Amino acid sequence: MDEPKEPLETGELPGEADEPRPVRKRGRDARLVLTGICAVLLVWFALANLHEVSIRFWVVTARSSLIVVIAISVLLGATGAALLGRATRRRRRSDD
C-alpha cells in the first residue's frame, strides 16, 4: 500500500516541486502588446478609408477598395518579415 503523504503547501501542485517554473520574458510580453496595438491601429486606419482607389501595376490599372489594398499589403509585408526571420534564424543556427 501507498504510504500517507504529507499535505501540500498552499499553492503547491503535485509534481510542481520537482519542476522549475517557466520564466516569462518581458521582451516577449512587450512584443505581444506592441503587436496588438499595431493591429488595432491598422484596423482603425482601414475602416477609416473605405473609398475606392486606383491601383496601378506596371501595365494594368485596377480599382479596389482601399481596405483590400491595405489587407493585401499587410499580408505581403508579414510574409516577407516571416521569410526574413526564418533566414536569420537559420543563419544563427549554422553559426553556432
PDB file of N, CA and C in Angstrom:
ATOM      1  N   MET A   1       0.823  -1.195   0.000  1.00  0.00           N
ATOM      2  CA  MET A   1       0.000   0.000   0.000  1.00  0.00           C
ATOM      3  C   MET A   1       0.863   1.254   0.000  1.00  0.00           C
ATOM      4  N   ASP A   2       0.260   2.330  -0.469  1.00  0.00           N
ATOM      5  CA  ASP A   2       0.976   3.599  -0.509  1.00  0.00           C
ATOM      6  C   ASP A   2       1.094   4.174   0.891  1.00  0.00           C
ATOM      7  N   GLU A   3       2.246   4.774   1.138  1.00  0.00           N
ATOM      8  CA  GLU A   3       2.433   5.444   2.420  1.00  0.00           C
ATOM      9  C   GLU A   3       1.693   6.767   2.388  1.00  0.00           C
ATOM     10  N   PRO A   4       1.157   7.221   3.513  1.00  0.00           N
ATOM     11  CA  PRO A   4       0.481   8.519   3.531  1.00  0.00           C
ATOM     12  C   PRO A   4       1.494   9.630   3.230  1.00  0.00           C
ATOM     13  N   LYS A   5       1.062  10.579   2.421  1.00  0.00           N
ATOM     14  CA  LYS A   5       1.938  11.680   2.036  1.00  0.00           C
ATOM     15  C   LYS A   5       1.646  12.882   2.902  1.00  0.00           C
ATOM     16  N   GLU A   6       2.663  13.718   3.049  1.00  0.00           N
ATOM     17  CA  GLU A   6       2.478  14.943   3.809  1.00  0.00           C
ATOM     18  C   GLU A   6       1.588  15.888   3.015  1.00  0.00           C
ATOM     19  N   PRO A   7       0.786  16.705   3.709  1.00  0.00           N
ATOM     20  CA  PRO A   7      -0.077  17.639   2.985  1.00  0.00           C
ATOM     21  C   PRO A   7       0.751  18.642   2.183  1.00  0.00           C
ATOM     22  N   LEU A   8       0.196  19.059   1.067  1.00  0.00           N
ATOM     23  CA  LEU A   8       0.882  20.015   0.207  1.00  0.00           C
ATOM     24  C   LEU A   8       0.815  21.405   0.808  1.00  0.00           C
ATOM     25  N   GLU A   9       1.850  22.186   0.538  1.00  0.00           N
ATOM     26  CA  GLU A   9       1.826  23.579   0.982  1.00  0.00           C
ATOM     27  C   GLU A   9       0.855  24.359   0.110  1.00  0.00           C
ATOM     28  N   THR A  10       0.394  25.467   0.591  1.00  0.00           N
ATOM     29  CA  THR A  10      -0.563  26.281  -0.132  1.00  0.00           C
ATOM     30  C   THR A  10       0.011  26.686  -1.483  1.00  0.00           C
ATOM     31  N   GLY A  11      -0.746  26.437  -2.555  1.00  0.00           N
ATOM     32  CA  GLY A  11      -0.341  26.816  -3.899  1.00  0.00           C
ATOM     33  C   GLY A  11       0.570  25.820  -4.562  1.00  0.00           C
ATOM     34  N   GLU A  12       0.924  24.760  -3.875  1.00  0.00           N
ATOM     35  CA  GLU A  12       1.815  23.769  -4.460  1.00  0.00           C
ATOM     36  C   GLU A  12       0.987  22.664  -5.092  1.00  0.00           C
ATOM     37  N   LEU A  13       1.302  22.306  -6.302  1.00  0.00           N
ATOM     38  CA  LEU A  13       0.617  21.242  -7.014  1.00  0.00           C
ATOM     39  C   LEU A  13       1.487  20.005  -7.016  1.00  0.00           C
ATOM     40  N   PRO A  14       0.886  18.833  -7.111  1.00  0.00           N
ATOM     41  CA  PRO A  14       1.698  17.618  -7.171  1.00  0.00           C
ATOM     42  C   PRO A  14       2.674  17.680  -8.340  1.00  0.00           C
ATOM     43  N   GLY A  15       3.921  17.330  -8.067  1.00  0.00           N
ATOM     44  CA  GLY A  15       4.931  17.322  -9.119  1.00  0.00           C
ATOM     45  C   GLY A  15       5.534  18.684  -9.389  1.00  0.00           C
ATOM     46  N   GLU A  16       4.984  19.726  -8.790  1.00  0.00           N
ATOM     47  CA  GLU A  16       5.452  21.082  -9.063  1.00  0.00           C
ATOM     48  C   GLU A  16       6.811  21.349  -8.427  1.00  0.00           C
ATOM     49  N   ALA A  17       7.070  20.739  -7.277  1.00  0.00           N
ATOM     50  CA  ALA A  17       8.335  20.995  -6.574  1.00  0.00           C
ATOM     51  C   ALA A  17       9.521  20.476  -7.381  1.00  0.00           C
ATOM     52  N   ASP A  18       9.301  19.427  -8.183  1.00  0.00           N
ATOM     53  CA  ASP A  18      10.389  18.845  -8.960  1.00  0.00           C
ATOM     54  C   ASP A  18      10.734  19.640 -10.203  1.00  0.00           C
ATOM     55  N   GLU A  19       9.764  20.384 -10.719  1.00  0.00           N
ATOM     56  CA  GLU A  19       9.944  21.089 -11.988  1.00  0.00           C
ATOM     57  C   GLU A  19      10.114  22.574 -11.751  1.00  0.00           C
ATOM     58  N   PRO A  20      11.083  23.191 -12.432  1.00  0.00           N
ATOM     59  CA  PRO A  20      11.230  24.644 -12.296  1.00  0.00           C
ATOM     60  C   PRO A  20      10.075  25.360 -13.009  1.00  0.00           C
ATOM     61  N   ARG A  21       9.703  26.488 -12.466  1.00  0.00           N
ATOM     62  CA  ARG A  21       8.637  27.267 -13.084  1.00  0.00           C
ATOM     63  C   ARG A  21       9.157  27.925 -14.361  1.00  0.00           C
ATOM     64  N   PRO A  22       8.325  27.988 -15.395  1.00  0.00           N
ATOM     65  CA  PRO A  22       8.774  28.674 -16.621  1.00  0.00           C
ATOM     66  C   PRO A  22       8.942  30.167 -16.361  1.00  0.00           C
ATOM     67  N   VAL A  23       9.964  30.719 -16.938  1.00  0.00           N
ATOM     68  CA  VAL A  23      10.254  32.138 -16.755  1.00  0.00           C
ATOM     69  C   VAL A  23       9.663  32.906 -17.930  1.00  0.00           C
ATOM     70  N   ARG A  24       8.848  33.916 -17.611  1.00  0.00           N
ATOM     71  CA  ARG A  24       8.284  34.755 -18.667  1.00  0.00           C
ATOM     72  C   ARG A  24       9.253  35.882 -18.968  1.00  0.00           C
ATOM     73  N   LYS A  25       9.412  36.152 -20.224  1.00  0.00           N
ATOM     74  CA  LYS A  25      10.348  37.187 -20.632  1.00  0.00           C
ATOM     75  C   LYS A  25       9.583  38.468 -20.922  1.00  0.00           C
ATOM     76  N   ARG A  26      10.082  39.570 -20.401  1.00  0.00           N
ATOM     77  CA  ARG A  26       9.412  40.861 -20.603  1.00  0.00           C
ATOM     78  C   ARG A  26       9.422  41.288 -22.056  1.00  0.00           C
ATOM     79  N   GLY A  27      10.496  40.958 -22.771  1.00  0.00           N
ATOM     80  CA  GLY A  27      10.576  41.329 -24.182  1.00  0.00           C
ATOM     81  C   GLY A  27       9.468  40.689 -24.997  1.00  0.00           C
ATOM     82  N   ARG A  28       9.154  39.446 -24.689  1.00  0.00           N
ATOM     83  CA  ARG A  28       8.078  38.737 -25.393  1.00  0.00           C
ATOM     84  C   ARG A  28       6.732  39.379 -25.090  1.00  0.00           C
ATOM     85  N   ASP A  29       6.502  39.719 -23.815  1.00  0.00           N
ATOM     86  CA  ASP A  29       5.256  40.371 -23.438  1.00  0.00           C
ATOM     87  C   ASP A  29       5.118  41.732 -24.112  1.00  0.00           C
ATOM     88  N   ALA A  30       6.194  42.494 -24.133  1.00  0.00           N
ATOM     89  CA  ALA A  30       6.165  43.813 -24.768  1.00  0.00           C
ATOM     90  C   ALA A  30       5.895  43.686 -26.261  1.00  0.00           C
ATOM     91  N   ARG A  31       6.481  42.662 -26.882  1.00  0.00           N
ATOM     92  CA  ARG A  31       6.268  42.440 -28.311  1.00  0.00           C
ATOM     93  C   ARG A  31       4.794  42.115 -28.597  1.00  0.00           C
ATOM     94  N   LEU A  32       4.178  41.310 -27.731  1.00  0.00           N
ATOM     95  CA  LEU A  32       2.767  40.973 -27.914  1.00  0.00           C
ATOM     96  C   LEU A  32       1.880  42.207 -27.758  1.00  0.00           C
ATOM     97  N   VAL A  33       2.180  43.043 -26.779  1.00  0.00           N
ATOM     98  CA  VAL A  33       1.396  44.267 -26.575  1.00  0.00           C
ATOM     99  C   VAL A  33       1.565  45.192 -27.773  1.00  0.00           C
ATOM    100  N   LEU A  34       2.790  45.364 -28.236  1.00  0.00           N
ATOM    101  CA  LEU A  34       3.046  46.227 -29.390  1.00  0.00           C
ATOM    102  C   LEU A  34       2.352  45.695 -30.643  1.00  0.00           C
ATOM    103  N   THR A  35       2.359  44.386 -30.834  1.00  0.00           N
ATOM    104  CA  THR A  35       1.672  43.779 -31.975  1.00  0.00           C
ATOM    105  C   THR A  35       0.176  44.039 -31.889  1.00  0.00           C
ATOM    106  N   GLY A  36      -0.386  43.917 -30.703  1.00  0.00           N
ATOM    107  CA  GLY A  36      -1.817  44.180 -30.517  1.00  0.00           C
ATOM    108  C   GLY A  36      -2.177  45.621 -30.817  1.00  0.00           C
ATOM    109  N   ILE A  37      -1.351  46.548 -30.344  1.00  0.00           N
ATOM    110  CA  ILE A  37      -1.603  47.974 -30.603  1.00  0.00           C
ATOM    111  C   ILE A  37      -1.524  48.256 -32.096  1.00  0.00           C
ATOM    112  N   CYS A  38      -0.527  47.697 -32.772  1.00  0.00           N
ATOM    113  CA  CYS A  38      -0.390  47.899 -34.217  1.00  0.00           C
ATOM    114  C   CYS A  38      -1.585  47.323 -34.965  1.00  0.00           C
ATOM    115  N   ALA A  39      -2.064  46.172 -34.529  1.00  0.00           N
ATOM    116  CA  ALA A  39      -3.220  45.558 -35.190  1.00  0.00           C
ATOM    117  C   ALA A  39      -4.462  46.429 -35.040  1.00  0.00           C
ATOM    118  N   VAL A  40      -4.682  46.971 -33.850  1.00  0.00           N
ATOM    119  CA  VAL A  40      -5.836  47.850 -33.625  1.00  0.00           C
ATOM    120  C   VAL A  40      -5.731  49.102 -34.483  1.00  0.00           C
ATOM    121  N   LEU A  41      -4.548  49.708 -34.532  1.00  0.00           N
ATOM    122  CA  LEU A  41      -4.363  50.908 -35.353  1.00  0.00           C
ATOM    123  C   LEU A  41      -4.552  50.606 -36.837  1.00  0.00           C
ATOM    124  N   LEU A  42      -4.095  49.462 -37.285  1.00  0.00           N
ATOM    125  CA  LEU A  42      -4.242  49.074 -38.679  1.00  0.00           C
ATOM    126  C   LEU A  42      -5.713  48.890 -39.044  1.00  0.00           C
ATOM    127  N   VAL A  43      -6.462  48.224 -38.181  1.00  0.00           N
ATOM    128  CA  VAL A  43      -7.892  48.023 -38.432  1.00  0.00           C
ATOM    129  C   VAL A  43      -8.613  49.369 -38.442  1.00  0.00           C
ATOM    130  N   TRP A  44      -8.280  50.230 -37.486  1.00  0.00           N
ATOM    131  CA  TRP A  44      -8.906  51.549 -37.438  1.00  0.00           C
ATOM    132  C   TRP A  44      -8.605  52.349 -38.714  1.00  0.00           C
ATOM    133  N   PHE A  45      -7.361  52.304 -39.164  1.00  0.00           N
ATOM    134  CA  PHE A  45      -6.979  53.017 -40.380  1.00  0.00           C
ATOM    135  C   PHE A  45      -7.716  52.477 -41.598  1.00  0.00           C
ATOM    136  N   ALA A  46      -7.822  51.159 -41.686  1.00  0.00           N
ATOM    137  CA  ALA A  46      -8.501  50.546 -42.831  1.00  0.00           C
ATOM    138  C   ALA A  46      -9.978  50.909 -42.845  1.00  0.00           C
ATOM    139  N   LEU A  47     -10.630  50.864 -41.688  1.00  0.00           N
ATOM    140  CA  LEU A  47     -12.056  51.186 -41.630  1.00  0.00           C
ATOM    141  C   LEU A  47     -12.310  52.670 -41.879  1.00  0.00           C
ATOM    142  N   ALA A  48     -11.341  53.512 -41.603  1.00  0.00           N
ATOM    143  CA  ALA A  48     -11.487  54.945 -41.850  1.00  0.00           C
ATOM    144  C   ALA A  48     -11.296  55.283 -43.334  1.00  0.00           C
ATOM    145  N   ASN A  49     -10.800  54.324 -44.126  1.00  0.00           N
ATOM    146  CA  ASN A  49     -10.515  54.562 -45.542  1.00  0.00           C
ATOM    147  C   ASN A  49     -11.212  53.519 -46.409  1.00  0.00           C
ATOM    148  N   LEU A  50     -12.526  53.590 -46.476  1.00  0.00           N
ATOM    149  CA  LEU A  50     -13.305  52.590 -47.208  1.00  0.00           C
ATOM    150  C   LEU A  50     -13.522  52.936 -48.687  1.00  0.00           C
ATOM    151  N   HIS A  51     -13.141  54.134 -49.120  1.00  0.00           N
ATOM    152  CA  HIS A  51     -13.415  54.532 -50.501  1.00  0.00           C
ATOM    153  C   HIS A  51     -12.558  53.735 -51.498  1.00  0.00           C
ATOM    154  N   GLU A  52     -12.970  53.760 -52.750  1.00  0.00           N
ATOM    155  CA  GLU A  52     -12.234  53.032 -53.792  1.00  0.00           C
ATOM    156  C   GLU A  52     -11.045  53.843 -54.281  1.00  0.00           C
ATOM    157  N   VAL A  53     -10.012  53.119 -54.679  1.00  0.00           N
ATOM    158  CA  VAL A  53      -8.805  53.748 -55.197  1.00  0.00           C
ATOM    159  C   VAL A  53      -8.364  53.028 -56.462  1.00  0.00           C
ATOM    160  N   SER A  54      -7.592  53.718 -57.281  1.00  0.00           N
ATOM    161  CA  SER A  54      -6.992  53.094 -58.464  1.00  0.00           C
ATOM    162  C   SER A  54      -5.628  52.555 -58.073  1.00  0.00           C
ATOM    163  N   ILE A  55      -5.363  51.338 -58.495  1.00  0.00           N
ATOM    164  CA  ILE A  55      -4.076  50.718 -58.230  1.00  0.00           C
ATOM    165  C   ILE A  55      -3.399  50.514 -59.568  1.00  0.00           C
ATOM    166  N   ARG A  56      -2.230  51.072 -59.711  1.00  0.00           N
ATOM    167  CA  ARG A  56      -1.535  50.985 -60.983  1.00  0.00           C
ATOM    168  C   ARG A  56      -0.356  50.041 -60.850  1.00  0.00           C
ATOM    169  N   PHE A  57      -0.443  48.918 -61.536  1.00  0.00           N
ATOM    170  CA  PHE A  57       0.663  47.981 -61.605  1.00  0.00           C
ATOM    171  C   PHE A  57       1.514  48.400 -62.795  1.00  0.00           C
ATOM    172  N   TRP A  58       2.445  47.584 -63.206  1.00  0.00           N
ATOM    173  CA  TRP A  58       3.320  48.000 -64.305  1.00  0.00           C
ATOM    174  C   TRP A  58       2.525  48.272 -65.575  1.00  0.00           C
ATOM    175  N   VAL A  59       1.608  47.400 -65.920  1.00  0.00           N
ATOM    176  CA  VAL A  59       0.852  47.550 -67.162  1.00  0.00           C
ATOM    177  C   VAL A  59      -0.629  47.732 -66.895  1.00  0.00           C
ATOM    178  N   VAL A  60      -1.134  47.096 -65.870  1.00  0.00           N
ATOM    179  CA  VAL A  60      -2.570  47.042 -65.600  1.00  0.00           C
ATOM    180  C   VAL A  60      -2.952  48.052 -64.524  1.00  0.00           C
ATOM    181  N   THR A  61      -4.120  48.657 -64.701  1.00  0.00           N
ATOM    182  CA  THR A  61      -4.686  49.526 -63.684  1.00  0.00           C
ATOM    183  C   THR A  61      -5.982  48.893 -63.206  1.00  0.00           C
ATOM    184  N   ALA A  62      -6.166  48.848 -61.893  1.00  0.00           N
ATOM    185  CA  ALA A  62      -7.372  48.243 -61.324  1.00  0.00           C
ATOM    186  C   ALA A  62      -7.954  49.176 -60.283  1.00  0.00           C
ATOM    187  N   ARG A  63      -9.236  48.998 -59.997  1.00  0.00           N
ATOM    188  CA  ARG A  63      -9.902  49.758 -58.939  1.00  0.00           C
ATOM    189  C   ARG A  63     -10.308  48.784 -57.841  1.00  0.00           C
ATOM    190  N   SER A  64     -10.060  49.198 -56.622  1.00  0.00           N
ATOM    191  CA  SER A  64     -10.400  48.344 -55.492  1.00  0.00           C
ATOM    192  C   SER A  64     -10.639  49.212 -54.269  1.00  0.00           C
ATOM    193  N   SER A  65     -11.299  48.641 -53.295  1.00  0.00           N
ATOM    194  CA  SER A  65     -11.490  49.322 -52.027  1.00  0.00           C
ATOM    195  C   SER A  65     -10.139  49.450 -51.329  1.00  0.00           C
ATOM    196  N   LEU A  66      -9.925  50.562 -50.678  1.00  0.00           N
ATOM    197  CA  LEU A  66      -8.652  50.805 -50.013  1.00  0.00           C
ATOM    198  C   LEU A  66      -8.397  49.772 -48.915  1.00  0.00           C
ATOM    199  N   ILE A  67      -9.458  49.291 -48.274  1.00  0.00           N
ATOM    200  CA  ILE A  67      -9.289  48.291 -47.219  1.00  0.00           C
ATOM    201  C   ILE A  67      -8.693  46.997 -47.781  1.00  0.00           C
ATOM    202  N   VAL A  68      -9.044  46.633 -49.012  1.00  0.00           N
ATOM    203  CA  VAL A  68      -8.490  45.437 -49.656  1.00  0.00           C
ATOM    204  C   VAL A  68      -7.016  45.661 -49.973  1.00  0.00           C
ATOM    205  N   VAL A  69      -6.682  46.842 -50.444  1.00  0.00           N
ATOM    206  CA  VAL A  69      -5.282  47.166 -50.744  1.00  0.00           C
ATOM    207  C   VAL A  69      -4.442  47.106 -49.473  1.00  0.00           C
ATOM    208  N   ILE A  70      -4.969  47.641 -48.380  1.00  0.00           N
ATOM    209  CA  ILE A  70      -4.248  47.609 -47.111  1.00  0.00           C
ATOM    210  C   ILE A  70      -4.073  46.172 -46.636  1.00  0.00           C
ATOM    211  N   ALA A  71      -5.121  45.359 -46.720  1.00  0.00           N
ATOM    212  CA  ALA A  71      -5.047  43.964 -46.276  1.00  0.00           C
ATOM    213  C   ALA A  71      -4.010  43.184 -47.085  1.00  0.00           C
ATOM    214  N   ILE A  72      -4.001  43.382 -48.396  1.00  0.00           N
ATOM    215  CA  ILE A  72      -3.021  42.691 -49.236  1.00  0.00           C
ATOM    216  C   ILE A  72      -1.606  43.159 -48.892  1.00  0.00           C
ATOM    217  N   SER A  73      -1.438  44.450 -48.656  1.00  0.00           N
ATOM    218  CA  SER A  73      -0.124  44.980 -48.287  1.00  0.00           C
ATOM    219  C   SER A  73       0.360  44.397 -46.964  1.00  0.00           C
ATOM    220  N   VAL A  74      -0.546  44.275 -45.995  1.00  0.00           N
ATOM    221  CA  VAL A  74      -0.181  43.704 -44.698  1.00  0.00           C
ATOM    222  C   VAL A  74       0.233  42.244 -44.867  1.00  0.00           C
ATOM    223  N   LEU A  75      -0.527  41.488 -45.644  1.00  0.00           N
ATOM    224  CA  LEU A  75      -0.200  40.075 -45.862  1.00  0.00           C
ATOM    225  C   LEU A  75       1.160  39.917 -46.545  1.00  0.00           C
ATOM    226  N   LEU A  76       1.415  40.743 -47.550  1.00  0.00           N
ATOM    227  CA  LEU A  76       2.709  40.676 -48.232  1.00  0.00           C
ATOM    228  C   LEU A  76       3.851  41.075 -47.295  1.00  0.00           C
ATOM    229  N   GLY A  77       3.642  42.100 -46.491  1.00  0.00           N
ATOM    230  CA  GLY A  77       4.661  42.527 -45.541  1.00  0.00           C
ATOM    231  C   GLY A  77       4.927  41.473 -44.474  1.00  0.00           C
ATOM    232  N   ALA A  78       3.862  40.867 -43.937  1.00  0.00           N
ATOM    233  CA  ALA A  78       4.023  39.824 -42.919  1.00  0.00           C
ATOM    234  C   ALA A  78       4.733  38.603 -43.496  1.00  0.00           C
ATOM    235  N   THR A  79       4.407  38.255 -44.735  1.00  0.00           N
ATOM    236  CA  THR A  79       5.069  37.130 -45.388  1.00  0.00           C
ATOM    237  C   THR A  79       6.551  37.411 -45.571  1.00  0.00           C
ATOM    238  N   GLY A  80       6.865  38.607 -46.028  1.00  0.00           N
ATOM    239  CA  GLY A  80       8.273  38.984 -46.196  1.00  0.00           C
ATOM    240  C   GLY A  80       9.026  38.985 -44.876  1.00  0.00           C
ATOM    241  N   ALA A  81       8.397  39.498 -43.813  1.00  0.00           N
ATOM    242  CA  ALA A  81       9.042  39.520 -42.498  1.00  0.00           C
ATOM    243  C   ALA A  81       9.258  38.105 -41.970  1.00  0.00           C
ATOM    244  N   ALA A  82       8.282  37.224 -42.180  1.00  0.00           N
ATOM    245  CA  ALA A  82       8.417  35.831 -41.723  1.00  0.00           C
ATOM    246  C   ALA A  82       9.548  35.129 -42.463  1.00  0.00           C
ATOM    247  N   LEU A  83       9.634  35.341 -43.761  1.00  0.00           N
ATOM    248  CA  LEU A  83      10.708  34.722 -44.539  1.00  0.00           C
ATOM    249  C   LEU A  83      12.077  35.258 -44.131  1.00  0.00           C
ATOM    250  N   LEU A  84      12.159  36.547 -43.891  1.00  0.00           N
ATOM    251  CA  LEU A  84      13.417  37.140 -43.451  1.00  0.00           C
ATOM    252  C   LEU A  84      13.803  36.626 -42.070  1.00  0.00           C
ATOM    253  N   GLY A  85      12.820  36.507 -41.166  1.00  0.00           N
ATOM    254  CA  GLY A  85      13.090  35.971 -39.833  1.00  0.00           C
ATOM    255  C   GLY A  85      13.559  34.533 -39.884  1.00  0.00           C
ATOM    256  N   ARG A  86      12.965  33.750 -40.760  1.00  0.00           N
ATOM    257  CA  ARG A  86      13.356  32.341 -40.913  1.00  0.00           C
ATOM    258  C   ARG A  86      14.799  32.248 -41.408  1.00  0.00           C
ATOM    259  N   ALA A  87      15.157  33.068 -42.392  1.00  0.00           N
ATOM    260  CA  ALA A  87      16.521  33.047 -42.920  1.00  0.00           C
ATOM    261  C   ALA A  87      17.515  33.473 -41.839  1.00  0.00           C
ATOM    262  N   THR A  88      17.153  34.461 -41.024  1.00  0.00           N
ATOM    263  CA  THR A  88      18.037  34.918 -39.956  1.00  0.00           C
ATOM    264  C   THR A  88      18.238  33.826 -38.910  1.00  0.00           C
ATOM    265  N   ARG A  89      17.161  33.133 -38.535  1.00  0.00           N
ATOM    266  CA  ARG A  89      17.278  32.047 -37.556  1.00  0.00           C
ATOM    267  C   ARG A  89      18.150  30.916 -38.091  1.00  0.00           C
ATOM    268  N   ARG A  90      18.003  30.583 -39.367  1.00  0.00           N
ATOM    269  CA  ARG A  90      18.830  29.526 -39.956  1.00  0.00           C
ATOM    270  C   ARG A  90      20.293  29.917 -39.934  1.00  0.00           C
ATOM    271  N   ARG A  91      20.584  31.180 -40.257  1.00  0.00           N
ATOM    272  CA  ARG A  91      21.964  31.653 -40.286  1.00  0.00           C
ATOM    273  C   ARG A  91      22.559  31.597 -38.884  1.00  0.00           C
ATOM    274  N   ARG A  92      21.779  31.972 -37.861  1.00  0.00           N
ATOM    275  CA  ARG A  92      22.275  31.936 -36.481  1.00  0.00           C
ATOM    276  C   ARG A  92      22.542  30.499 -36.039  1.00  0.00           C
ATOM    277  N   ARG A  93      21.669  29.575 -36.425  1.00  0.00           N
ATOM    278  CA  ARG A  93      21.873  28.168 -36.060  1.00  0.00           C
ATOM    279  C   ARG A  93      23.125  27.605 -36.692  1.00  0.00           C
ATOM    280  N   SER A  94      23.380  27.969 -37.949  1.00  0.00           N
ATOM    281  CA  SER A  94      24.553  27.439 -38.631  1.00  0.00           C
ATOM    282  C   SER A  94      25.847  28.030 -38.069  1.00  0.00           C
ATOM    283  N   ASP A  95      25.781  29.248 -37.506  1.00  0.00           N
ATOM    284  CA  ASP A  95      26.958  29.876 -36.903  1.00  0.00           C
ATOM    285  C   ASP A  95      27.314  29.231 -35.565  1.00  0.00           C
ATOM    286  N   ASP A  96      26.350  28.658 -34.858  1.00  0.00           N
ATOM    287  CA  ASP A  96      26.593  28.061 -33.533  1.00  0.00           C
ATOM    288  C   ASP A  96      27.209  26.729 -33.585  1.00  0.00           C
TER     289      ASP A  96
END
